[in-house]
C-alpha atoms as a PDB file:
ATOM      1  CA  UNK A   1      -8.730 -10.970   9.999  1.00  0.00           C
ATOM      2  CA  UNK A   2      -9.160  -7.532  11.589  1.00  0.00           C
ATOM      3  CA  UNK A   3      -6.292  -5.875  13.464  1.00  0.00           C
ATOM      4  CA  UNK A   4      -6.743  -2.798  15.635  1.00  0.00           C
ATOM      5  CA  UNK A   5      -4.529   0.225  16.109  1.00  0.00           C
ATOM      6  CA  UNK A   6      -4.372   3.613  17.803  1.00  0.00           C
ATOM      7  CA  UNK A   7      -3.232   7.102  16.917  1.00  0.00           C
ATOM      8  CA  UNK A   8      -2.474   9.538  19.685  1.00  0.00           C
ATOM      9  CA  UNK A   9      -0.952  12.964  20.214  1.00  0.00           C
ATOM     10  CA  UNK A  10      -0.074  15.522  22.871  1.00  0.00           C
ATOM     11  CA  UNK A  11      -3.732  15.431  23.948  1.00  0.00           C
ATOM     12  CA  UNK A  12      -3.062  12.027  25.538  1.00  0.00           C
ATOM     13  CA  UNK A  13       0.150  13.329  27.108  1.00  0.00           C
ATOM     14  CA  UNK A  14       2.312  10.428  28.379  1.00  0.00           C
ATOM     15  CA  UNK A  15       0.178   7.706  26.863  1.00  0.00           C
ATOM     16  CA  UNK A  16       0.622   4.135  28.144  1.00  0.00           C
ATOM     17  CA  UNK A  17       1.666   2.276  24.998  1.00  0.00           C
ATOM     18  CA  UNK A  18       2.562  -0.846  26.975  1.00  0.00           C
ATOM     19  CA  UNK A  19      -1.014  -1.066  28.265  1.00  0.00           C
ATOM     20  CA  UNK A  20      -2.404  -0.612  24.739  1.00  0.00           C
ATOM     21  CA  UNK A  21      -0.238  -3.479  23.556  1.00  0.00           C
ATOM     22  CA  UNK A  22      -1.447  -5.695  26.420  1.00  0.00           C
ATOM     23  CA  UNK A  23      -5.026  -4.870  25.461  1.00  0.00           C
ATOM     24  CA  UNK A  24      -4.444  -6.380  22.023  1.00  0.00           C
ATOM     25  CA  UNK A  25      -3.687  -3.394  19.798  1.00  0.00           C
ATOM     26  CA  UNK A  26      -1.265  -4.178  16.999  1.00  0.00           C
ATOM     27  CA  UNK A  27      -0.174  -0.846  15.485  1.00  0.00           C
ATOM     28  CA  UNK A  28       0.188   2.760  16.576  1.00  0.00           C
ATOM     29  CA  UNK A  29       0.980   6.244  15.294  1.00  0.00           C
ATOM     30  CA  UNK A  30       1.640   9.508  17.115  1.00  0.00           C
ATOM     31  CA  UNK A  31       1.638  13.126  16.051  1.00  0.00           C
ATOM     32  CA  UNK A  32       5.032  14.581  15.164  1.00  0.00           C
ATOM     33  CA  UNK A  33       4.402  18.017  13.699  1.00  0.00           C
ATOM     34  CA  UNK A  34       1.726  20.423  12.482  1.00  0.00           C
ATOM     35  CA  UNK A  35       2.299  23.102   9.860  1.00  0.00           C
ATOM     36  CA  UNK A  36       5.895  24.353   9.998  1.00  0.00           C
ATOM     37  CA  UNK A  37       5.976  25.610  13.571  1.00  0.00           C
ATOM     38  CA  UNK A  38       4.413  23.035  15.906  1.00  0.00           C
ATOM     39  CA  UNK A  39       6.454  20.129  17.229  1.00  0.00           C
ATOM     40  CA  UNK A  40       4.587  17.693  19.454  1.00  0.00           C
ATOM     41  CA  UNK A  41       6.550  17.668  22.741  1.00  0.00           C
ATOM     42  CA  UNK A  42       5.496  14.082  23.497  1.00  0.00           C
ATOM     43  CA  UNK A  43       6.729  12.671  20.183  1.00  0.00           C
ATOM     44  CA  UNK A  44      10.297  11.726  21.268  1.00  0.00           C
ATOM     45  CA  UNK A  45       8.942   9.700  24.192  1.00  0.00           C
ATOM     46  CA  UNK A  46       6.179   8.194  22.058  1.00  0.00           C
ATOM     47  CA  UNK A  47       8.688   7.252  19.351  1.00  0.00           C
ATOM     48  CA  UNK A  48      10.801   5.297  21.841  1.00  0.00           C
ATOM     49  CA  UNK A  49       7.758   3.688  23.461  1.00  0.00           C
ATOM     50  CA  UNK A  50       6.260   2.604  20.137  1.00  0.00           C
ATOM     51  CA  UNK A  51       9.605   1.265  18.953  1.00  0.00           C
ATOM     52  CA  UNK A  52       9.665  -0.918  22.075  1.00  0.00           C
ATOM     53  CA  UNK A  53       6.052  -2.086  22.121  1.00  0.00           C
ATOM     54  CA  UNK A  54       5.075  -1.905  18.427  1.00  0.00           C
ATOM     55  CA  UNK A  55       8.335  -2.714  16.574  1.00  0.00           C
ATOM     56  CA  UNK A  56       7.895  -2.387  12.829  1.00  0.00           C
ATOM     57  CA  UNK A  57       4.253  -1.385  13.254  1.00  0.00           C
ATOM     58  CA  UNK A  58       4.425   2.264  14.249  1.00  0.00           C
ATOM     59  CA  UNK A  59       4.747   5.627  12.579  1.00  0.00           C
ATOM     60  CA  UNK A  60       4.479   9.361  13.075  1.00  0.00           C
ATOM     61  CA  UNK A  61       1.999  11.741  11.508  1.00  0.00           C
ATOM     62  CA  UNK A  62       2.148  15.273  10.215  1.00  0.00           C
ATOM     63  CA  UNK A  63      -0.943  17.497  10.284  1.00  0.00           C
ATOM     64  CA  UNK A  64      -0.876  19.517   7.068  1.00  0.00           C
ATOM     65  CA  UNK A  65      -1.769  23.193   6.822  1.00  0.00           C
ATOM     66  CA  UNK A  66      -2.765  24.092   3.276  1.00  0.00           C
ATOM     67  CA  UNK A  67      -1.680  27.734   3.433  1.00  0.00           C
ATOM     68  CA  UNK A  68       1.884  26.993   4.605  1.00  0.00           C
ATOM     69  CA  UNK A  69       4.788  26.298   2.259  1.00  0.00           C
ATOM     70  CA  UNK A  70       5.146  22.551   1.759  1.00  0.00           C
ATOM     71  CA  UNK A  71       8.950  22.651   1.932  1.00  0.00           C
ATOM     72  CA  UNK A  72       8.920  24.378   5.306  1.00  0.00           C
ATOM     73  CA  UNK A  73       6.460  21.782   6.578  1.00  0.00           C
ATOM     74  CA  UNK A  74       8.617  18.914   5.307  1.00  0.00           C
ATOM     75  CA  UNK A  75      11.731  20.446   6.864  1.00  0.00           C
ATOM     76  CA  UNK A  76       9.997  20.751  10.231  1.00  0.00           C
ATOM     77  CA  UNK A  77       8.794  17.148  10.045  1.00  0.00           C
ATOM     78  CA  UNK A  78      12.236  15.797   9.210  1.00  0.00           C
ATOM     79  CA  UNK A  79      13.879  17.794  11.994  1.00  0.00           C
ATOM     80  CA  UNK A  80      11.485  16.530  14.694  1.00  0.00           C
ATOM     81  CA  UNK A  81      10.952  12.988  13.387  1.00  0.00           C
ATOM     82  CA  UNK A  82      14.460  12.082  14.466  1.00  0.00           C
ATOM     83  CA  UNK A  83      14.753   9.069  12.156  1.00  0.00           C
ATOM     84  CA  UNK A  84      13.772   9.380   8.466  1.00  0.00           C
ATOM     85  CA  UNK A  85      13.226   5.611   8.245  1.00  0.00           C
ATOM     86  CA  UNK A  86      10.136   5.914  10.469  1.00  0.00           C
ATOM     87  CA  UNK A  87       7.080   5.701   8.168  1.00  0.00           C
ATOM     88  CA  UNK A  88       5.032   8.887   7.934  1.00  0.00           C
ATOM     89  CA  UNK A  89       1.258   9.203   7.995  1.00  0.00           C
ATOM     90  CA  UNK A  90       0.069  12.396   6.327  1.00  0.00           C
ATOM     91  CA  UNK A  91      -2.974  13.932   8.019  1.00  0.00           C
ATOM     92  CA  UNK A  92      -4.679  15.999   5.313  1.00  0.00           C
ATOM     93  CA  UNK A  93      -7.858  17.541   6.713  1.00  0.00           C
ATOM     94  CA  UNK A  94      -7.222  21.240   7.300  1.00  0.00           C
ATOM     95  CA  UNK A  95     -10.732  22.748   7.468  1.00  0.00           C
ATOM     96  CA  UNK A  96      -9.461  26.314   7.894  1.00  0.00           C
ATOM     97  CA  UNK A  97      -8.482  26.484   4.219  1.00  0.00           C
ATOM     98  CA  UNK A  98      -9.580  24.633   1.106  1.00  0.00           C
ATOM     99  CA  UNK A  99      -7.407  21.680   0.190  1.00  0.00           C
ATOM    100  CA  UNK A 100      -6.367  20.696  -3.309  1.00  0.00           C
ATOM    101  CA  UNK A 101      -4.910  17.639  -4.974  1.00  0.00           C
ATOM    102  CA  UNK A 102      -1.954  19.690  -6.236  1.00  0.00           C
ATOM    103  CA  UNK A 103      -1.159  20.958  -2.755  1.00  0.00           C
ATOM    104  CA  UNK A 104      -1.471  17.490  -1.253  1.00  0.00           C
ATOM    105  CA  UNK A 105       0.769  15.898  -3.873  1.00  0.00           C
ATOM    106  CA  UNK A 106       3.318  18.697  -3.514  1.00  0.00           C
ATOM    107  CA  UNK A 107       3.524  18.082   0.233  1.00  0.00           C
ATOM    108  CA  UNK A 108       3.935  14.333  -0.281  1.00  0.00           C
ATOM    109  CA  UNK A 109       6.739  14.984  -2.779  1.00  0.00           C
ATOM    110  CA  UNK A 110       8.443  17.405  -0.393  1.00  0.00           C
ATOM    111  CA  UNK A 111       8.331  14.833   2.400  1.00  0.00           C
ATOM    112  CA  UNK A 112       9.661  12.013   0.242  1.00  0.00           C
ATOM    113  CA  UNK A 113      12.298  14.190  -1.392  1.00  0.00           C
ATOM    114  CA  UNK A 114      13.840  14.419   2.066  1.00  0.00           C
ATOM    115  CA  UNK A 115      14.201  10.671   2.378  1.00  0.00           C
ATOM    116  CA  UNK A 116      11.016   9.983   4.352  1.00  0.00           C
ATOM    117  CA  UNK A 117       8.162   7.777   3.178  1.00  0.00           C
ATOM    118  CA  UNK A 118       4.431   8.480   3.354  1.00  0.00           C
ATOM    119  CA  UNK A 119       2.976   5.027   4.002  1.00  0.00           C
ATOM    120  CA  UNK A 120      -0.642   6.193   4.380  1.00  0.00           C
ATOM    121  CA  UNK A 121      -2.661   9.319   3.705  1.00  0.00           C
ATOM    122  CA  UNK A 122      -5.229  10.143   6.385  1.00  0.00           C
ATOM    123  CA  UNK A 123      -7.818  11.669   4.066  1.00  0.00           C
ATOM    124  CA  UNK A 124     -11.396  11.461   5.356  1.00  0.00           C
ATOM    125  CA  UNK A 125     -13.982  11.002   2.631  1.00  0.00           C
ATOM    126  CA  UNK A 126     -15.977  13.945   3.947  1.00  0.00           C
ATOM    127  CA  UNK A 127     -12.922  16.192   3.503  1.00  0.00           C
ATOM    128  CA  UNK A 128     -12.061  14.796   0.074  1.00  0.00           C
ATOM    129  CA  UNK A 129     -15.592  15.542  -1.187  1.00  0.00           C
ATOM    130  CA  UNK A 130     -16.524  18.672   0.769  1.00  0.00           C
ATOM    131  CA  UNK A 131     -13.196  20.521   0.930  1.00  0.00           C
ATOM    132  CA  UNK A 132     -11.333  19.284  -2.141  1.00  0.00           C
ATOM    133  CA  UNK A 133     -14.089  18.745  -4.705  1.00  0.00           C
ATOM    134  CA  UNK A 134     -13.503  14.965  -4.936  1.00  0.00           C
ATOM    135  CA  UNK A 135     -10.449  15.045  -7.256  1.00  0.00           C
ATOM    136  CA  UNK A 136      -8.903  11.860  -8.635  1.00  0.00           C
ATOM    137  CA  UNK A 137      -6.319  10.388  -6.309  1.00  0.00           C
ATOM    138  CA  UNK A 138      -4.327   8.273  -8.767  1.00  0.00           C
ATOM    139  CA  UNK A 139      -0.712   7.879  -7.715  1.00  0.00           C
ATOM    140  CA  UNK A 140      -1.203   8.963  -4.097  1.00  0.00           C
ATOM    141  CA  UNK A 141      -0.482   6.780  -1.041  1.00  0.00           C
ATOM    142  CA  UNK A 142      -2.991   4.276   0.386  1.00  0.00           C
ATOM    143  CA  UNK A 143      -5.915   5.928   2.156  1.00  0.00           C
ATOM    144  CA  UNK A 144      -6.550   6.045   5.888  1.00  0.00           C
ATOM    145  CA  UNK A 145     -10.249   6.942   5.979  1.00  0.00           C
ATOM    146  CA  UNK A 146     -12.419   8.000   8.912  1.00  0.00           C
ATOM    147  CA  UNK A 147     -16.072   7.107   9.382  1.00  0.00           C
ATOM    148  CA  UNK A 148     -17.228   7.230  12.996  1.00  0.00           C
ATOM    149  CA  UNK A 149     -19.788   5.063  14.729  1.00  0.00           C
ATOM    150  CA  UNK A 150     -21.816   6.105  17.755  1.00  0.00           C
ATOM    151  CA  UNK A 151     -21.004   5.216  21.320  1.00  0.00           C
ATOM    152  CA  UNK A 152     -17.883   4.589  23.340  1.00  0.00           C
ATOM    153  CA  UNK A 153     -16.209   1.414  24.491  1.00  0.00           C
ATOM    154  CA  UNK A 154     -13.745  -1.251  23.421  1.00  0.00           C
ATOM    155  CA  UNK A 155     -12.575  -1.108  19.811  1.00  0.00           C
ATOM    156  CA  UNK A 156     -13.593  -4.685  19.055  1.00  0.00           C
ATOM    157  CA  UNK A 157     -17.133  -3.903  20.232  1.00  0.00           C
ATOM    158  CA  UNK A 158     -17.424  -0.580  18.395  1.00  0.00           C
ATOM    159  CA  UNK A 159     -15.989  -1.817  15.100  1.00  0.00           C
ATOM    160  CA  UNK A 160     -18.811  -1.792  12.481  1.00  0.00           C
ATOM    161  CA  UNK A 161     -17.441  -4.696  10.425  1.00  0.00           C
ATOM    162  CA  UNK A 162     -15.383  -5.361   7.307  1.00  0.00           C
ATOM    163  CA  UNK A 163     -18.274  -4.450   4.984  1.00  0.00           C
ATOM    164  CA  UNK A 164     -18.873  -1.023   6.546  1.00  0.00           C
ATOM    165  CA  UNK A 165     -19.264   1.937   4.165  1.00  0.00           C
ATOM    166  CA  UNK A 166     -16.029   3.428   5.451  1.00  0.00           C
ATOM    167  CA  UNK A 167     -14.117   0.768   3.519  1.00  0.00           C
ATOM    168  CA  UNK A 168     -15.640   1.663   0.140  1.00  0.00           C
ATOM    169  CA  UNK A 169     -13.246   2.926  -2.534  1.00  0.00           C
ATOM    170  CA  UNK A 170     -13.248   6.651  -3.229  1.00  0.00           C
ATOM    171  CA  UNK A 171     -13.353   6.207  -7.004  1.00  0.00           C
ATOM    172  CA  UNK A 172     -12.244   3.751  -9.653  1.00  0.00           C
ATOM    173  CA  UNK A 173      -8.441   3.416  -9.637  1.00  0.00           C
ATOM    174  CA  UNK A 174      -8.183   5.345  -6.368  1.00  0.00           C
ATOM    175  CA  UNK A 175      -5.744   4.028  -3.750  1.00  0.00           C
ATOM    176  CA  UNK A 176      -7.316   1.422  -1.480  1.00  0.00           C
ATOM    177  CA  UNK A 177      -8.696   2.328   1.924  1.00  0.00           C
ATOM    178  CA  UNK A 178      -6.202   0.334   3.969  1.00  0.00           C
ATOM    179  CA  UNK A 179      -7.011   1.646   7.453  1.00  0.00           C
ATOM    180  CA  UNK A 180     -10.345   2.839   8.817  1.00  0.00           C
ATOM    181  CA  UNK A 181     -10.636   5.114  11.831  1.00  0.00           C
ATOM    182  CA  UNK A 182     -14.076   4.200  13.116  1.00  0.00           C
ATOM    183  CA  UNK A 183     -14.258   5.997  16.463  1.00  0.00           C
ATOM    184  CA  UNK A 184     -12.647   8.820  18.386  1.00  0.00           C
ATOM    185  CA  UNK A 185     -13.964   7.469  21.676  1.00  0.00           C
ATOM    186  CA  UNK A 186     -12.427   4.041  21.950  1.00  0.00           C
ATOM    187  CA  UNK A 187     -11.464   3.044  25.486  1.00  0.00           C
ATOM    188  CA  UNK A 188      -7.758   2.250  25.449  1.00  0.00           C
ATOM    189  CA  UNK A 189      -5.317   2.197  28.365  1.00  0.00           C
ATOM    190  CA  UNK A 190      -7.736   4.186  30.511  1.00  0.00           C
ATOM    191  CA  UNK A 191      -8.259   6.955  27.942  1.00  0.00           C
ATOM    192  CA  UNK A 192     -10.791   7.778  25.233  1.00  0.00           C
ATOM    193  CA  UNK A 193      -8.870   7.940  21.950  1.00  0.00           C
ATOM    194  CA  UNK A 194      -9.014   7.346  18.180  1.00  0.00           C
ATOM    195  CA  UNK A 195      -9.188   3.669  17.242  1.00  0.00           C
ATOM    196  CA  UNK A 196      -8.583   2.147  13.842  1.00  0.00           C
ATOM    197  CA  UNK A 197      -8.946  -1.132  11.959  1.00  0.00           C
ATOM    198  CA  UNK A 198      -6.871  -2.941   9.338  1.00  0.00           C
ATOM    199  CA  UNK A 199      -8.333  -5.801   7.299  1.00  0.00           C
ATOM    200  CA  UNK A 200      -5.623  -8.375   6.725  1.00  0.00           C
ATOM    201  CA  UNK A 201      -2.787 -10.281   8.300  1.00  0.00           C
ATOM    202  CA  UNK A 202       0.013  -8.910  10.428  1.00  0.00           C
ATOM    203  CA  UNK A 203       2.423  -9.659   7.599  1.00  0.00           C
ATOM    204  CA  UNK A 204       0.351  -7.504   5.249  1.00  0.00           C
ATOM    205  CA  UNK A 205       0.210  -4.769   7.857  1.00  0.00           C
ATOM    206  CA  UNK A 206       3.977  -4.899   8.239  1.00  0.00           C
ATOM    207  CA  UNK A 207       4.285  -4.543   4.488  1.00  0.00           C
ATOM    208  CA  UNK A 208       2.153  -1.402   4.651  1.00  0.00           C
ATOM    209  CA  UNK A 209       4.377   0.085   7.343  1.00  0.00           C
ATOM    210  CA  UNK A 210       7.399  -0.945   5.321  1.00  0.00           C
ATOM    211  CA  UNK A 211       8.903  -3.438   7.749  1.00  0.00           C
ATOM    212  CA  UNK A 212       8.207  -6.654   5.810  1.00  0.00           C
ATOM    213  CA  UNK A 213      11.184  -6.445   3.481  1.00  0.00           C
ATOM    214  CA  UNK A 214      14.787  -6.165   4.700  1.00  0.00           C
ATOM    215  CA  UNK A 215      16.722  -3.252   3.320  1.00  0.00           C
ATOM    216  CA  UNK A 216      18.893  -4.273   0.405  1.00  0.00           C
ATOM    217  CA  UNK A 217      20.054  -3.188  -2.986  1.00  0.00           C
ATOM    218  CA  UNK A 218      17.950  -0.634  -4.869  1.00  0.00           C
ATOM    219  CA  UNK A 219      15.477  -1.870  -7.461  1.00  0.00           C
ATOM    220  CA  UNK A 220      17.111  -2.564 -10.803  1.00  0.00           C
ATOM    221  CA  UNK A 221      16.072  -1.016 -14.077  1.00  0.00           C
ATOM    222  CA  UNK A 222      14.947  -4.453 -15.242  1.00  0.00           C
ATOM    223  CA  UNK A 223      12.334  -4.611 -12.513  1.00  0.00           C
ATOM    224  CA  UNK A 224      11.091  -1.098 -13.175  1.00  0.00           C
ATOM    225  CA  UNK A 225      10.877  -1.694 -16.896  1.00  0.00           C
ATOM    226  CA  UNK A 226       9.234  -5.064 -16.451  1.00  0.00           C
ATOM    227  CA  UNK A 227       6.476  -3.716 -14.226  1.00  0.00           C
ATOM    228  CA  UNK A 228       5.825  -0.765 -16.511  1.00  0.00           C
ATOM    229  CA  UNK A 229       6.100  -2.469 -19.885  1.00  0.00           C
ATOM    230  CA  UNK A 230       4.219  -5.743 -19.497  1.00  0.00           C
ATOM    231  CA  UNK A 231       2.269  -6.055 -22.708  1.00  0.00           C
ATOM    232  CA  UNK A 232       1.692  -8.912 -25.167  1.00  0.00           C
ATOM    233  CA  UNK A 233       2.967  -6.888 -28.100  1.00  0.00           C
ATOM    234  CA  UNK A 234       6.712  -6.141 -27.966  1.00  0.00           C
ATOM    235  CA  UNK A 235       7.764  -2.545 -28.028  1.00  0.00           C
ATOM    236  CA  UNK A 236       4.495  -1.101 -26.753  1.00  0.00           C
ATOM    237  CA  UNK A 237       4.699   0.576 -23.376  1.00  0.00           C
ATOM    238  CA  UNK A 238       1.874   0.388 -20.867  1.00  0.00           C
ATOM    239  CA  UNK A 239       2.034   2.213 -17.524  1.00  0.00           C
ATOM    240  CA  UNK A 240       1.070   0.409 -14.339  1.00  0.00           C
ATOM    241  CA  UNK A 241      -2.719   0.587 -14.190  1.00  0.00           C
ATOM    242  CA  UNK A 242      -2.937   0.638 -10.383  1.00  0.00           C
ATOM    243  CA  UNK A 243       0.256   2.117  -8.936  1.00  0.00           C
ATOM    244  CA  UNK A 244      -1.290   1.926  -5.471  1.00  0.00           C
ATOM    245  CA  UNK A 245      -1.046  -1.859  -5.693  1.00  0.00           C
ATOM    246  CA  UNK A 246       2.722  -1.787  -5.981  1.00  0.00           C
ATOM    247  CA  UNK A 247       4.337  -3.637  -3.099  1.00  0.00           C
ATOM    248  CA  UNK A 248       4.088  -1.097  -0.236  1.00  0.00           C
ATOM    249  CA  UNK A 249       7.556  -1.995   1.005  1.00  0.00           C
ATOM    250  CA  UNK A 250       8.921   0.192  -1.778  1.00  0.00           C
ATOM    251  CA  UNK A 251       9.447   3.894  -1.316  1.00  0.00           C
ATOM    252  CA  UNK A 252       7.197   5.129  -4.101  1.00  0.00           C
ATOM    253  CA  UNK A 253       4.951   3.648  -6.812  1.00  0.00           C
ATOM    254  CA  UNK A 254       7.761   4.490  -9.259  1.00  0.00           C
ATOM    255  CA  UNK A 255       9.915   1.758  -7.714  1.00  0.00           C
ATOM    256  CA  UNK A 256       7.916  -1.477  -8.121  1.00  0.00           C
ATOM    257  CA  UNK A 257       9.158  -4.859  -6.958  1.00  0.00           C
ATOM    258  CA  UNK A 258       8.647  -8.219  -8.726  1.00  0.00           C
ATOM    259  CA  UNK A 259       5.390  -8.680  -6.777  1.00  0.00           C
ATOM    260  CA  UNK A 260       3.760  -6.148  -9.084  1.00  0.00           C
ATOM    261  CA  UNK A 261       5.274  -7.783 -12.138  1.00  0.00           C
ATOM    262  CA  UNK A 262       3.801 -11.178 -11.335  1.00  0.00           C
ATOM    263  CA  UNK A 263       0.396  -9.682 -10.547  1.00  0.00           C
ATOM    264  CA  UNK A 264       0.510  -7.913 -13.884  1.00  0.00           C
ATOM    265  CA  UNK A 265       1.523 -11.075 -15.715  1.00  0.00           C
ATOM    266  CA  UNK A 266      -1.360 -12.918 -14.097  1.00  0.00           C
ATOM    267  CA  UNK A 267      -3.831 -10.194 -15.088  1.00  0.00           C
ATOM    268  CA  UNK A 268      -2.555 -10.059 -18.662  1.00  0.00           C
ATOM    269  CA  UNK A 269      -2.391 -13.794 -19.360  1.00  0.00           C
ATOM    270  CA  UNK A 270      -5.393 -14.994 -17.362  1.00  0.00           C
ATOM    271  CA  UNK A 271      -7.989 -12.255 -16.909  1.00  0.00           C
ATOM    272  CA  UNK A 272      -7.335 -10.490 -20.208  1.00  0.00           C
ATOM    273  CA  UNK A 273      -7.542 -13.832 -21.971  1.00  0.00           C
ATOM    274  CA  UNK A 274      -4.552 -13.649 -24.313  1.00  0.00           C
ATOM    275  CA  UNK A 275      -4.357 -17.010 -26.048  1.00  0.00           C
ATOM    276  CA  UNK A 276      -1.366 -19.324 -25.867  1.00  0.00           C
ATOM    277  CA  UNK A 277      -0.935 -20.579 -29.423  1.00  0.00           C
ATOM    278  CA  UNK A 278       1.655 -23.243 -30.299  1.00  0.00           C
ATOM    279  CA  UNK A 279       3.134 -21.080 -33.055  1.00  0.00           C
ATOM    280  CA  UNK A 280       4.354 -18.640 -30.386  1.00  0.00           C
ATOM    281  CA  UNK A 281       6.964 -21.286 -29.556  1.00  0.00           C
ATOM    282  CA  UNK A 282       8.677 -20.627 -32.883  1.00  0.00           C
ATOM    283  CA  UNK A 283       9.216 -16.911 -32.225  1.00  0.00           C
ATOM    284  CA  UNK A 284      12.971 -16.168 -31.879  1.00  0.00           C
ATOM    285  CA  UNK A 285      14.116 -15.336 -28.360  1.00  0.00           C
ATOM    286  CA  UNK A 286      16.012 -12.209 -29.423  1.00  0.00           C
ATOM    287  CA  UNK A 287      13.013 -10.112 -30.523  1.00  0.00           C
ATOM    288  CA  UNK A 288      12.936  -8.034 -27.353  1.00  0.00           C
ATOM    289  CA  UNK A 289       9.570  -9.321 -26.278  1.00  0.00           C
ATOM    290  CA  UNK A 290       7.830  -8.184 -23.125  1.00  0.00           C
ATOM    291  CA  UNK A 291       7.635 -10.425 -20.078  1.00  0.00           C
ATOM    292  CA  UNK A 292       4.070 -11.376 -20.911  1.00  0.00           C
ATOM    293  CA  UNK A 293       5.094 -12.452 -24.396  1.00  0.00           C
ATOM    294  CA  UNK A 294       7.931 -14.440 -22.843  1.00  0.00           C
ATOM    295  CA  UNK A 295       5.513 -16.220 -20.520  1.00  0.00           C
ATOM    296  CA  UNK A 296       3.213 -16.898 -23.449  1.00  0.00           C
ATOM    297  CA  UNK A 297       6.071 -18.399 -25.441  1.00  0.00           C
ATOM    298  CA  UNK A 298       7.117 -20.678 -22.586  1.00  0.00           C
ATOM    299  CA  UNK A 299       3.526 -21.804 -22.120  1.00  0.00           C
ATOM    300  CA  UNK A 300       3.120 -22.335 -25.871  1.00  0.00           C
ATOM    301  CA  UNK A 301       6.195 -24.519 -25.945  1.00  0.00           C
ATOM    302  CA  UNK A 302       4.769 -26.560 -23.102  1.00  0.00           C
ATOM    303  CA  UNK A 303       1.511 -26.947 -25.035  1.00  0.00           C
ATOM    304  CA  UNK A 304       3.361 -28.041 -28.172  1.00  0.00           C
ATOM    305  CA  UNK A 305       5.495 -30.531 -26.241  1.00  0.00           C
ATOM    306  CA  UNK A 306       2.394 -31.979 -24.614  1.00  0.00           C
ATOM    307  CA  UNK A 307       0.770 -32.428 -28.020  1.00  0.00           C
ATOM    308  CA  UNK A 308       3.879 -34.215 -29.236  1.00  0.00           C
ATOM    309  CA  UNK A 309       3.970 -36.458 -26.163  1.00  0.00           C
ATOM    310  CA  UNK A 310       0.295 -37.269 -26.606  1.00  0.00           C
ATOM    311  CA  UNK A 311       0.982 -38.323 -30.194  1.00  0.00           C
ATOM    312  CA  UNK A 312       3.895 -40.531 -29.117  1.00  0.00           C
ATOM    313  CA  UNK A 313       1.820 -42.159 -26.387  1.00  0.00           C
ATOM    314  CA  UNK A 314      -1.013 -42.762 -28.851  1.00  0.00           C
ATOM    315  CA  UNK A 315       1.393 -44.342 -31.348  1.00  0.00           C
ATOM    316  CA  UNK A 316       2.911 -46.582 -28.660  1.00  0.00           C
ATOM    317  CA  UNK A 317      -0.536 -47.676 -27.538  1.00  0.00           C
ATOM    318  CA  UNK A 318      -1.398 -48.561 -31.128  1.00  0.00           C
ATOM    319  CA  UNK A 319       1.836 -50.547 -31.616  1.00  0.00           C
ATOM    320  CA  UNK A 320       1.390 -52.400 -28.342  1.00  0.00           C
ATOM    321  CA  UNK A 321      -2.193 -53.110 -29.236  1.00  0.00           C
ATOM    322  CA  UNK A 322      -1.185 -54.589 -32.587  1.00  0.00           C
ATOM    323  CA  UNK A 323       1.422 -56.841 -30.932  1.00  0.00           C
ATOM    324  CA  UNK A 324      -1.199 -58.214 -28.536  1.00  0.00           C
ATOM    325  CA  UNK A 325      -3.370 -59.104 -31.499  1.00  0.00           C
END
């Protein structure tokens, strides 16, 4: 399933979000700030309009300037955003100065240290390679890539497809490309604007924006430890291999939910091929085993019990057979 969205700014002035919704668009973002001194005057109106027409599927974006202090930029964003629970899209493509992975990560930390959440990082591949030197992006937010097609028209007509090169991963273990901006000349609500695609269901999109999970108690230490320590050998720590796959409803990859734990258990016990031997069932329960070892033990006990049941059934069949004779 492909869902379409828009991102607009002061250039579209009083954009008609209601019309965009009627035309079938599912999500939207609008510019909030740029650097530490520009506040988009249309943001307050856009925020209210998106909250009405795109509830749970809207955000605001900050255009980063690499030569401006990250803390001043984060302060300006927080002041104009108006509600720190609104998910933030970082727009990192300042061509006036050279970008760097350290600068980008520092800005993300500054934003999140103030209680906001960067749900996606608008980082075009051309900028990542040509202006940053293609650094590794491990531990950064999901990527919002741009790769434009020719022409103008409706988004559904312009969209190049789910196998387009714009969806390709940046490097092994890089965050996934979750949104693709494929044109800056999509016809929406009577204007020519940026149009974007998301591959997945609306529920998955809501999870990306952070509106899929109700707010509740903070993640417990048990969950954090479980997601970070899943390993078949007790006592050996193993960090999460793909922190970008942590349930996006959490604030940062350092706060995983059980979703990541179960994915990790599946990968360890199925794809990594750790065997389930019956003797595991005899391991004491108080050895401080990891969750994977616990799952292996439970499965081993099930295997042993099945073997025992098979033996009983075989013996009964033999006894019944002898009586018939």
